[in-house]
Amino acid sequence: MCSLEYLKIDLKALKDDASVVEFDLDDRYFSALDGSQLEHGTLHVSVSIRKMSGFFEFLFHTEGSVTITCDRCLDDMDQPIESDNKLMVRLGDTYSEDDDTVTVDENEGILDLSWFIYEFTMLAIPIKHVHAPGKCNSAMTQKLAELSGAVRSSEEEAEAVDPRWEALKKFKVKS
């Protein structure tokens, strides 16, 4: 997991019914995570903790940016992050993560937020990540255009050579 102690919340020590903790995370946070796909970034995480009967409600608000690889040119790019997430936690016999509820060992009573923050950050990253138009590496973009042009021209040749599909084109529905 993570060796950053300040991301651990002692649930039994919470005295108020509602409290807020804030974290400013940087590259040290990402390097402390085992198995992290992210290595660089700055995040500000605000966590509102509300004590309810038998449960704790954690509301996470995360803002900042992380460095990821562009899918098109493979250069690093900054991806803005803004997310709101909810986590329900209760005290129980052993630690478990079932459905939408995390159960923390009642004897220990400590919840490590490091991996939850990481997962929420990963969920905020779009599936397709590319630079804004015109911001990609020009050499890589040029090479990509050359290669995709070669593929396109061979497809066009295949269509021109194969007349079997010409008769079916007149049945094509225009919308």
N, C-alpha and C. Protein backbone atom coordinates (compact mmCIF):
# COMPACT_ATOMS: atom_id res chain seq x y z
N MET A 1 0.83 -1.18 0.00
CA MET A 1 0.00 0.00 0.00
C MET A 1 0.87 1.24 0.00
N CYS A 2 0.82 2.00 1.08
CA CYS A 2 1.52 3.27 1.13
C CYS A 2 2.08 3.46 2.52
N SER A 3 3.25 4.07 2.60
CA SER A 3 3.89 4.24 3.90
C SER A 3 3.67 5.65 4.48
N LEU A 4 2.77 6.42 3.91
CA LEU A 4 2.53 7.77 4.39
C LEU A 4 1.52 7.74 5.55
N GLU A 5 2.01 7.96 6.73
CA GLU A 5 1.18 7.84 7.94
C GLU A 5 0.07 8.89 8.00
N TYR A 6 0.29 10.07 7.43
CA TYR A 6 -0.71 11.13 7.56
C TYR A 6 -1.97 10.83 6.75
N LEU A 7 -1.96 9.79 5.92
CA LEU A 7 -3.16 9.40 5.18
C LEU A 7 -3.98 8.34 5.90
N LYS A 8 -3.59 8.03 7.12
CA LYS A 8 -4.32 7.04 7.92
C LYS A 8 -5.22 7.77 8.91
N ILE A 9 -6.47 7.35 8.96
CA ILE A 9 -7.47 7.98 9.83
C ILE A 9 -7.83 6.99 10.94
N ASP A 10 -7.69 7.45 12.18
CA ASP A 10 -8.07 6.64 13.34
C ASP A 10 -9.56 6.89 13.59
N LEU A 11 -10.38 5.93 13.22
CA LEU A 11 -11.83 6.10 13.32
C LEU A 11 -12.31 6.18 14.77
N LYS A 12 -11.65 5.46 15.65
CA LYS A 12 -12.07 5.48 17.06
C LYS A 12 -11.72 6.79 17.74
N ALA A 13 -10.76 7.53 17.19
CA ALA A 13 -10.34 8.79 17.79
C ALA A 13 -11.18 9.97 17.32
N LEU A 14 -12.05 9.77 16.33
CA LEU A 14 -12.90 10.86 15.84
C LEU A 14 -13.93 11.21 16.90
N LYS A 15 -13.88 12.43 17.39
CA LYS A 15 -14.78 12.84 18.48
C LYS A 15 -16.01 13.59 17.95
N ASP A 16 -15.81 14.39 16.94
CA ASP A 16 -16.93 15.16 16.39
C ASP A 16 -17.76 14.30 15.45
N ASP A 17 -19.04 14.69 15.30
CA ASP A 17 -19.90 13.99 14.36
C ASP A 17 -19.50 14.26 12.91
N ALA A 18 -18.88 15.40 12.68
CA ALA A 18 -18.43 15.76 11.33
C ALA A 18 -17.06 16.42 11.43
N SER A 19 -16.17 16.04 10.56
CA SER A 19 -14.85 16.66 10.53
C SER A 19 -14.33 16.65 9.09
N VAL A 20 -13.36 17.50 8.84
CA VAL A 20 -12.77 17.62 7.51
C VAL A 20 -11.26 17.54 7.64
N VAL A 21 -10.65 16.72 6.77
CA VAL A 21 -9.19 16.66 6.69
C VAL A 21 -8.80 16.96 5.25
N GLU A 22 -7.66 17.63 5.08
CA GLU A 22 -7.21 17.99 3.75
C GLU A 22 -5.78 17.52 3.56
N PHE A 23 -5.48 17.10 2.34
CA PHE A 23 -4.16 16.61 1.99
C PHE A 23 -3.69 17.28 0.71
N ASP A 24 -2.42 17.67 0.67
CA ASP A 24 -1.78 18.12 -0.56
C ASP A 24 -0.78 17.05 -0.94
N LEU A 25 -1.05 16.37 -2.05
CA LEU A 25 -0.24 15.24 -2.47
C LEU A 25 0.59 15.61 -3.69
N ASP A 26 1.83 15.08 -3.74
CA ASP A 26 2.72 15.35 -4.86
C ASP A 26 3.40 14.07 -5.30
N ASP A 27 4.54 14.18 -5.97
CA ASP A 27 5.23 13.01 -6.51
C ASP A 27 5.63 12.01 -5.43
N ARG A 28 5.88 12.49 -4.21
CA ARG A 28 6.24 11.57 -3.12
C ARG A 28 5.10 10.60 -2.82
N TYR A 29 3.89 11.08 -2.91
CA TYR A 29 2.72 10.22 -2.69
C TYR A 29 2.68 9.10 -3.74
N PHE A 30 2.84 9.47 -5.02
CA PHE A 30 2.76 8.47 -6.08
C PHE A 30 3.91 7.48 -6.02
N SER A 31 5.10 7.93 -5.63
CA SER A 31 6.23 7.01 -5.54
C SER A 31 6.10 6.08 -4.32
N ALA A 32 5.37 6.50 -3.29
CA ALA A 32 5.19 5.67 -2.11
C ALA A 32 4.18 4.54 -2.33
N LEU A 33 3.34 4.67 -3.35
CA LEU A 33 2.35 3.64 -3.64
C LEU A 33 3.00 2.48 -4.37
N ASP A 34 2.73 1.27 -3.93
CA ASP A 34 3.23 0.08 -4.63
C ASP A 34 2.29 -0.22 -5.79
N GLY A 35 2.84 -0.39 -6.98
CA GLY A 35 2.04 -0.75 -8.13
C GLY A 35 1.30 0.40 -8.77
N SER A 36 1.72 1.61 -8.51
CA SER A 36 1.05 2.78 -9.06
C SER A 36 1.43 2.96 -10.53
N GLN A 37 0.43 3.23 -11.37
CA GLN A 37 0.69 3.54 -12.77
C GLN A 37 1.04 5.01 -12.94
N LEU A 38 0.70 5.82 -11.96
CA LEU A 38 0.99 7.24 -12.00
C LEU A 38 2.27 7.51 -11.22
N GLU A 39 3.11 8.38 -11.75
CA GLU A 39 4.36 8.70 -11.06
C GLU A 39 4.46 10.17 -10.67
N HIS A 40 3.75 11.03 -11.40
CA HIS A 40 3.86 12.46 -11.15
C HIS A 40 2.48 13.10 -11.09
N GLY A 41 2.39 14.11 -10.25
CA GLY A 41 1.15 14.85 -10.17
C GLY A 41 1.07 15.66 -8.89
N THR A 42 0.11 16.55 -8.85
CA THR A 42 -0.19 17.31 -7.64
C THR A 42 -1.70 17.28 -7.45
N LEU A 43 -2.10 16.89 -6.26
CA LEU A 43 -3.52 16.78 -5.94
C LEU A 43 -3.81 17.45 -4.62
N HIS A 44 -4.96 18.09 -4.54
CA HIS A 44 -5.47 18.59 -3.27
C HIS A 44 -6.73 17.78 -2.99
N VAL A 45 -6.72 17.06 -1.87
CA VAL A 45 -7.84 16.19 -1.52
C VAL A 45 -8.46 16.70 -0.22
N SER A 46 -9.75 16.94 -0.26
CA SER A 46 -10.50 17.33 0.92
C SER A 46 -11.46 16.19 1.25
N VAL A 47 -11.38 15.70 2.49
CA VAL A 47 -12.21 14.57 2.91
C VAL A 47 -13.11 15.01 4.06
N SER A 48 -14.41 14.94 3.83
CA SER A 48 -15.39 15.23 4.88
C SER A 48 -15.81 13.91 5.49
N ILE A 49 -15.67 13.81 6.80
CA ILE A 49 -16.01 12.57 7.51
C ILE A 49 -17.21 12.85 8.40
N ARG A 50 -18.25 12.05 8.21
CA ARG A 50 -19.45 12.21 9.02
C ARG A 50 -19.74 10.92 9.74
N LYS A 51 -19.86 11.02 11.06
CA LYS A 51 -20.18 9.86 11.90
C LYS A 51 -21.69 9.67 11.92
N MET A 52 -22.10 8.44 11.56
CA MET A 52 -23.52 8.11 11.61
C MET A 52 -23.65 6.87 12.49
N SER A 53 -24.84 6.46 12.77
CA SER A 53 -25.00 5.30 13.65
C SER A 53 -24.47 4.04 12.97
N GLY A 54 -23.36 3.55 13.47
CA GLY A 54 -22.75 2.34 12.94
C GLY A 54 -21.88 2.51 11.71
N PHE A 55 -21.89 3.68 11.11
CA PHE A 55 -21.14 3.91 9.88
C PHE A 55 -20.40 5.24 9.93
N PHE A 56 -19.43 5.35 9.03
CA PHE A 56 -18.75 6.62 8.78
C PHE A 56 -18.91 6.89 7.29
N GLU A 57 -19.32 8.10 6.96
CA GLU A 57 -19.45 8.49 5.56
C GLU A 57 -18.27 9.39 5.21
N PHE A 58 -17.50 8.98 4.21
CA PHE A 58 -16.35 9.75 3.73
C PHE A 58 -16.71 10.34 2.37
N LEU A 59 -16.65 11.66 2.27
CA LEU A 59 -16.88 12.34 0.99
C LEU A 59 -15.55 12.96 0.55
N PHE A 60 -15.05 12.51 -0.59
CA PHE A 60 -13.77 12.96 -1.13
C PHE A 60 -14.00 13.98 -2.24
N HIS A 61 -13.29 15.09 -2.18
CA HIS A 61 -13.26 16.05 -3.29
C HIS A 61 -11.79 16.21 -3.68
N THR A 62 -11.47 15.85 -4.92
CA THR A 62 -10.09 15.87 -5.39
C THR A 62 -9.96 16.83 -6.56
N GLU A 63 -8.94 17.69 -6.50
CA GLU A 63 -8.61 18.61 -7.58
C GLU A 63 -7.11 18.60 -7.80
N GLY A 64 -6.71 18.78 -9.03
CA GLY A 64 -5.28 18.85 -9.34
C GLY A 64 -5.01 18.33 -10.73
N SER A 65 -3.81 17.80 -10.93
CA SER A 65 -3.46 17.22 -12.22
C SER A 65 -2.44 16.10 -12.02
N VAL A 66 -2.44 15.16 -12.95
CA VAL A 66 -1.48 14.07 -12.95
C VAL A 66 -0.83 14.02 -14.33
N THR A 67 0.35 13.43 -14.39
CA THR A 67 1.06 13.29 -15.66
C THR A 67 0.83 11.88 -16.18
N ILE A 68 0.29 11.82 -17.40
CA ILE A 68 0.03 10.55 -18.05
C ILE A 68 0.62 10.58 -19.46
N THR A 69 0.62 9.44 -20.13
CA THR A 69 1.16 9.34 -21.48
C THR A 69 0.06 9.56 -22.51
N CYS A 70 0.35 10.39 -23.49
CA CYS A 70 -0.60 10.65 -24.58
C CYS A 70 -0.72 9.38 -25.42
N ASP A 71 -1.94 8.98 -25.73
CA ASP A 71 -2.17 7.78 -26.52
C ASP A 71 -1.72 7.95 -27.97
N ARG A 72 -1.68 9.17 -28.45
CA ARG A 72 -1.35 9.41 -29.86
C ARG A 72 0.15 9.54 -30.09
N CYS A 73 0.83 10.38 -29.31
CA CYS A 73 2.25 10.66 -29.59
C CYS A 73 3.20 10.08 -28.55
N LEU A 74 2.66 9.51 -27.47
CA LEU A 74 3.43 8.86 -26.40
C LEU A 74 4.27 9.83 -25.56
N ASP A 75 4.07 11.14 -25.70
CA ASP A 75 4.72 12.12 -24.83
C ASP A 75 3.90 12.27 -23.54
N ASP A 76 4.55 12.77 -22.50
CA ASP A 76 3.83 13.04 -21.25
C ASP A 76 2.90 14.23 -21.44
N MET A 77 1.78 14.17 -20.74
CA MET A 77 0.83 15.28 -20.76
C MET A 77 0.19 15.43 -19.39
N ASP A 78 -0.21 16.64 -19.06
CA ASP A 78 -0.91 16.89 -17.80
C ASP A 78 -2.40 16.65 -18.00
N GLN A 79 -2.96 15.85 -17.12
CA GLN A 79 -4.39 15.57 -17.17
C GLN A 79 -5.04 16.20 -15.94
N PRO A 80 -5.92 17.18 -16.14
CA PRO A 80 -6.60 17.77 -14.99
C PRO A 80 -7.52 16.74 -14.32
N ILE A 81 -7.58 16.80 -13.00
CA ILE A 81 -8.41 15.88 -12.22
C ILE A 81 -9.35 16.70 -11.35
N GLU A 82 -10.60 16.36 -11.40
CA GLU A 82 -11.58 16.91 -10.46
C GLU A 82 -12.63 15.84 -10.27
N SER A 83 -12.77 15.37 -9.04
CA SER A 83 -13.74 14.30 -8.79
C SER A 83 -14.33 14.42 -7.39
N ASP A 84 -15.52 13.88 -7.26
CA ASP A 84 -16.21 13.77 -5.98
C ASP A 84 -16.59 12.31 -5.81
N ASN A 85 -16.19 11.72 -4.69
CA ASN A 85 -16.45 10.31 -4.44
C ASN A 85 -16.94 10.11 -3.01
N LYS A 86 -17.60 8.99 -2.83
CA LYS A 86 -18.18 8.67 -1.52
C LYS A 86 -17.73 7.27 -1.12
N LEU A 87 -17.42 7.12 0.16
CA LEU A 87 -17.01 5.83 0.70
C LEU A 87 -17.69 5.63 2.05
N MET A 88 -18.32 4.49 2.21
CA MET A 88 -18.96 4.15 3.49
C MET A 88 -18.05 3.17 4.23
N VAL A 89 -17.83 3.44 5.53
CA VAL A 89 -16.92 2.64 6.34
C VAL A 89 -17.63 2.27 7.63
N ARG A 90 -17.37 1.04 8.09
CA ARG A 90 -17.92 0.63 9.39
C ARG A 90 -16.85 -0.17 10.13
N LEU A 91 -17.02 -0.29 11.41
CA LEU A 91 -16.11 -1.09 12.23
C LEU A 91 -16.68 -2.50 12.34
N GLY A 92 -15.80 -3.51 12.26
CA GLY A 92 -16.26 -4.89 12.33
C GLY A 92 -15.16 -5.81 12.82
N ASP A 93 -15.35 -7.11 12.60
CA ASP A 93 -14.40 -8.12 13.09
C ASP A 93 -13.09 -8.10 12.33
N THR A 94 -13.14 -8.08 11.00
CA THR A 94 -11.93 -8.09 10.18
C THR A 94 -12.08 -7.10 9.04
N TYR A 95 -10.94 -6.75 8.45
CA TYR A 95 -10.96 -5.82 7.33
C TYR A 95 -11.53 -6.51 6.10
N SER A 96 -12.45 -5.83 5.43
CA SER A 96 -12.99 -6.34 4.17
C SER A 96 -13.57 -5.18 3.36
N GLU A 97 -13.65 -5.42 2.06
CA GLU A 97 -14.25 -4.45 1.15
C GLU A 97 -15.38 -5.15 0.43
N ASP A 98 -16.60 -4.95 0.90
CA ASP A 98 -17.78 -5.58 0.31
C ASP A 98 -18.67 -4.52 -0.30
N ASP A 99 -19.07 -4.75 -1.54
CA ASP A 99 -19.96 -3.84 -2.25
C ASP A 99 -19.44 -2.40 -2.13
N ASP A 100 -20.23 -1.54 -1.53
CA ASP A 100 -19.85 -0.13 -1.38
C ASP A 100 -19.39 0.20 0.03
N THR A 101 -19.19 -0.81 0.85
CA THR A 101 -18.83 -0.59 2.24
C THR A 101 -17.50 -1.24 2.57
N VAL A 102 -16.66 -0.49 3.28
CA VAL A 102 -15.38 -1.01 3.76
C VAL A 102 -15.54 -1.28 5.24
N THR A 103 -15.13 -2.47 5.65
CA THR A 103 -15.17 -2.82 7.07
C THR A 103 -13.75 -2.79 7.61
N VAL A 104 -13.54 -2.02 8.68
CA VAL A 104 -12.23 -1.88 9.31
C VAL A 104 -12.24 -2.68 10.60
N ASP A 105 -11.15 -3.37 10.87
CA ASP A 105 -11.02 -4.16 12.10
C ASP A 105 -11.26 -3.25 13.30
N GLU A 106 -12.22 -3.63 14.13
CA GLU A 106 -12.62 -2.81 15.28
C GLU A 106 -11.49 -2.64 16.29
N ASN A 107 -10.64 -3.66 16.44
CA ASN A 107 -9.52 -3.57 17.39
C ASN A 107 -8.48 -2.55 16.93
N GLU A 108 -8.28 -2.47 15.63
CA GLU A 108 -7.30 -1.52 15.09
C GLU A 108 -7.94 -0.15 14.88
N GLY A 109 -9.04 -0.10 14.15
CA GLY A 109 -9.79 1.13 13.95
C GLY A 109 -9.14 2.15 13.05
N ILE A 110 -8.18 1.74 12.22
CA ILE A 110 -7.47 2.70 11.37
C ILE A 110 -7.77 2.41 9.90
N LEU A 111 -8.15 3.45 9.17
CA LEU A 111 -8.43 3.35 7.75
C LEU A 111 -7.34 4.09 6.99
N ASP A 112 -6.68 3.39 6.07
CA ASP A 112 -5.64 3.97 5.23
C ASP A 112 -6.30 4.50 3.96
N LEU A 113 -6.28 5.82 3.76
CA LEU A 113 -6.94 6.44 2.62
C LEU A 113 -6.09 6.45 1.35
N SER A 114 -4.82 6.08 1.45
CA SER A 114 -3.90 6.25 0.33
C SER A 114 -4.37 5.53 -0.93
N TRP A 115 -4.78 4.28 -0.84
CA TRP A 115 -5.17 3.55 -2.03
C TRP A 115 -6.54 3.99 -2.54
N PHE A 116 -7.43 4.39 -1.65
CA PHE A 116 -8.74 4.89 -2.09
C PHE A 116 -8.58 6.18 -2.88
N ILE A 117 -7.72 7.07 -2.42
CA ILE A 117 -7.47 8.32 -3.16
C ILE A 117 -6.89 8.00 -4.53
N TYR A 118 -5.98 7.05 -4.59
CA TYR A 118 -5.38 6.65 -5.87
C TYR A 118 -6.45 6.08 -6.81
N GLU A 119 -7.30 5.20 -6.31
CA GLU A 119 -8.34 4.61 -7.15
C GLU A 119 -9.31 5.67 -7.65
N PHE A 120 -9.70 6.60 -6.80
CA PHE A 120 -10.59 7.67 -7.22
C PHE A 120 -9.93 8.55 -8.28
N THR A 121 -8.63 8.77 -8.16
CA THR A 121 -7.90 9.56 -9.15
C THR A 121 -7.86 8.82 -10.48
N MET A 122 -7.59 7.52 -10.45
CA MET A 122 -7.54 6.73 -11.69
C MET A 122 -8.91 6.71 -12.38
N LEU A 123 -9.97 6.68 -11.60
CA LEU A 123 -11.31 6.69 -12.19
C LEU A 123 -11.66 8.03 -12.82
N ALA A 124 -10.99 9.09 -12.42
CA ALA A 124 -11.25 10.42 -12.97
C ALA A 124 -10.52 10.67 -14.28
N ILE A 125 -9.59 9.78 -14.63
CA ILE A 125 -8.83 9.94 -15.88
C ILE A 125 -9.67 9.37 -17.02
N PRO A 126 -9.87 10.13 -18.10
CA PRO A 126 -10.64 9.60 -19.23
C PRO A 126 -9.96 8.38 -19.85
N ILE A 127 -10.75 7.53 -20.48
CA ILE A 127 -10.20 6.34 -21.11
C ILE A 127 -9.23 6.73 -22.23
N LYS A 128 -9.62 7.68 -23.04
CA LYS A 128 -8.77 8.16 -24.13
C LYS A 128 -8.08 9.43 -23.66
N HIS A 129 -6.75 9.41 -23.62
CA HIS A 129 -6.04 10.62 -23.22
C HIS A 129 -5.08 11.04 -24.32
N VAL A 130 -5.43 12.18 -24.93
CA VAL A 130 -4.60 12.76 -25.99
C VAL A 130 -4.45 14.25 -25.74
N HIS A 131 -3.35 14.79 -26.27
CA HIS A 131 -3.12 16.22 -26.17
C HIS A 131 -4.23 16.99 -26.88
N ALA A 132 -4.34 18.26 -26.56
CA ALA A 132 -5.25 19.14 -27.28
C ALA A 132 -4.78 19.22 -28.74
N PRO A 133 -5.68 19.50 -29.68
CA PRO A 133 -5.26 19.57 -31.08
C PRO A 133 -4.07 20.52 -31.27
N GLY A 134 -3.06 20.02 -31.98
CA GLY A 134 -1.86 20.80 -32.26
C GLY A 134 -0.78 20.73 -31.20
N LYS A 135 -1.04 20.05 -30.09
CA LYS A 135 -0.07 19.99 -28.99
C LYS A 135 0.75 18.70 -28.98
N CYS A 136 0.39 17.72 -29.81
CA CYS A 136 1.14 16.46 -29.85
C CYS A 136 2.53 16.66 -30.46
N ASN A 137 3.41 15.74 -30.18
CA ASN A 137 4.75 15.72 -30.74
C ASN A 137 4.63 15.69 -32.26
N SER A 138 5.16 16.72 -32.95
CA SER A 138 4.96 16.84 -34.39
C SER A 138 5.64 15.71 -35.17
N ALA A 139 6.82 15.27 -34.73
CA ALA A 139 7.50 14.17 -35.43
C ALA A 139 6.68 12.89 -35.35
N MET A 140 6.14 12.62 -34.19
CA MET A 140 5.33 11.41 -34.03
C MET A 140 4.02 11.53 -34.80
N THR A 141 3.41 12.70 -34.80
CA THR A 141 2.17 12.91 -35.52
C THR A 141 2.38 12.73 -37.02
N GLN A 142 3.51 13.21 -37.53
CA GLN A 142 3.82 13.07 -38.94
C GLN A 142 4.01 11.58 -39.30
N LYS A 143 4.73 10.86 -38.46
CA LYS A 143 4.94 9.43 -38.70
C LYS A 143 3.62 8.67 -38.65
N LEU A 144 2.76 9.03 -37.71
CA LEU A 144 1.45 8.41 -37.59
C LEU A 144 0.61 8.67 -38.84
N ALA A 145 0.67 9.89 -39.36
CA ALA A 145 -0.08 10.24 -40.57
C ALA A 145 0.43 9.45 -41.77
N GLU A 146 1.75 9.29 -41.86
CA GLU A 146 2.33 8.51 -42.96
C GLU A 146 1.86 7.06 -42.89
N LEU A 147 1.92 6.48 -41.71
CA LEU A 147 1.54 5.07 -41.56
C LEU A 147 0.05 4.86 -41.74
N SER A 148 -0.76 5.74 -41.22
CA SER A 148 -2.21 5.58 -41.37
C SER A 148 -2.61 5.86 -42.82
N GLY A 149 -1.88 6.72 -43.53
CA GLY A 149 -2.13 6.96 -44.95
C GLY A 149 -1.85 5.73 -45.77
N ALA A 150 -0.80 4.98 -45.43
CA ALA A 150 -0.47 3.75 -46.14
C ALA A 150 -1.57 2.71 -45.91
N VAL A 151 -2.08 2.63 -44.72
CA VAL A 151 -3.15 1.69 -44.42
C VAL A 151 -4.41 2.09 -45.17
N ARG A 152 -4.70 3.37 -45.20
CA ARG A 152 -5.89 3.86 -45.86
C ARG A 152 -5.82 3.58 -47.36
N SER A 153 -4.66 3.81 -47.98
CA SER A 153 -4.56 3.60 -49.42
C SER A 153 -4.70 2.13 -49.79
N SER A 154 -4.20 1.21 -48.95
CA SER A 154 -4.37 -0.21 -49.25
C SER A 154 -5.83 -0.63 -49.09
N GLU A 155 -6.55 0.00 -48.16
CA GLU A 155 -7.98 -0.28 -48.01
C GLU A 155 -8.75 0.22 -49.22
N GLU A 156 -8.40 1.40 -49.72
CA GLU A 156 -9.06 1.95 -50.89
C GLU A 156 -8.80 1.07 -52.11
N GLU A 157 -7.58 0.55 -52.24
CA GLU A 157 -7.26 -0.35 -53.34
C GLU A 157 -8.09 -1.63 -53.24
N ALA A 158 -8.25 -2.15 -52.05
CA ALA A 158 -9.01 -3.37 -51.87
C ALA A 158 -10.48 -3.16 -52.25
N GLU A 159 -11.01 -1.98 -51.94
CA GLU A 159 -12.40 -1.69 -52.30
C GLU A 159 -12.54 -1.55 -53.81
N ALA A 160 -11.59 -0.93 -54.46
CA ALA A 160 -11.66 -0.73 -55.89
C ALA A 160 -11.51 -2.06 -56.64
N VAL A 161 -10.72 -2.96 -56.15
CA VAL A 161 -10.45 -4.23 -56.80
C VAL A 161 -11.61 -5.21 -56.59
N ASP A 162 -12.30 -5.13 -55.49
CA ASP A 162 -13.32 -6.11 -55.15
C ASP A 162 -14.71 -5.58 -55.51
N PRO A 163 -15.25 -5.95 -56.69
CA PRO A 163 -16.56 -5.42 -57.12
C PRO A 163 -17.75 -6.18 -56.53
N ARG A 164 -17.52 -7.21 -55.75
CA ARG A 164 -18.62 -8.01 -55.21
C ARG A 164 -19.57 -7.20 -54.33
N TRP A 165 -19.04 -6.14 -53.72
CA TRP A 165 -19.84 -5.36 -52.78
C TRP A 165 -20.57 -4.21 -53.45
N GLU A 166 -20.27 -3.93 -54.74
CA GLU A 166 -20.91 -2.81 -55.42
C GLU A 166 -22.42 -2.96 -55.48
N ALA A 167 -22.90 -4.16 -55.73
CA ALA A 167 -24.35 -4.38 -55.84
C ALA A 167 -25.04 -4.14 -54.49
N LEU A 168 -24.36 -4.42 -53.40
CA LEU A 168 -24.99 -4.21 -52.08
C LEU A 168 -25.02 -2.75 -51.65
N LYS A 169 -24.15 -1.93 -52.24
CA LYS A 169 -24.10 -0.51 -51.86
C LYS A 169 -25.41 0.20 -52.19
N LYS A 170 -26.15 -0.23 -53.21
CA LYS A 170 -27.40 0.45 -53.56
C LYS A 170 -28.50 0.16 -52.53
N PHE A 171 -28.34 -0.89 -51.70
CA PHE A 171 -29.30 -1.19 -50.64
C PHE A 171 -28.99 -0.47 -49.35
N LYS A 172 -27.87 0.23 -49.31
CA LYS A 172 -27.43 0.91 -48.09
C LYS A 172 -28.45 1.99 -47.70
N VAL A 173 -28.85 1.99 -46.44
CA VAL A 173 -29.85 2.93 -45.95
C VAL A 173 -29.15 4.25 -45.64
N LYS A 174 -29.70 5.32 -46.20
CA LYS A 174 -29.13 6.65 -45.91
C LYS A 174 -29.93 7.27 -44.78
N SER A 175 -29.20 7.80 -43.78
CA SER A 175 -29.93 8.40 -42.66
C SER A 175 -29.83 9.88 -42.67
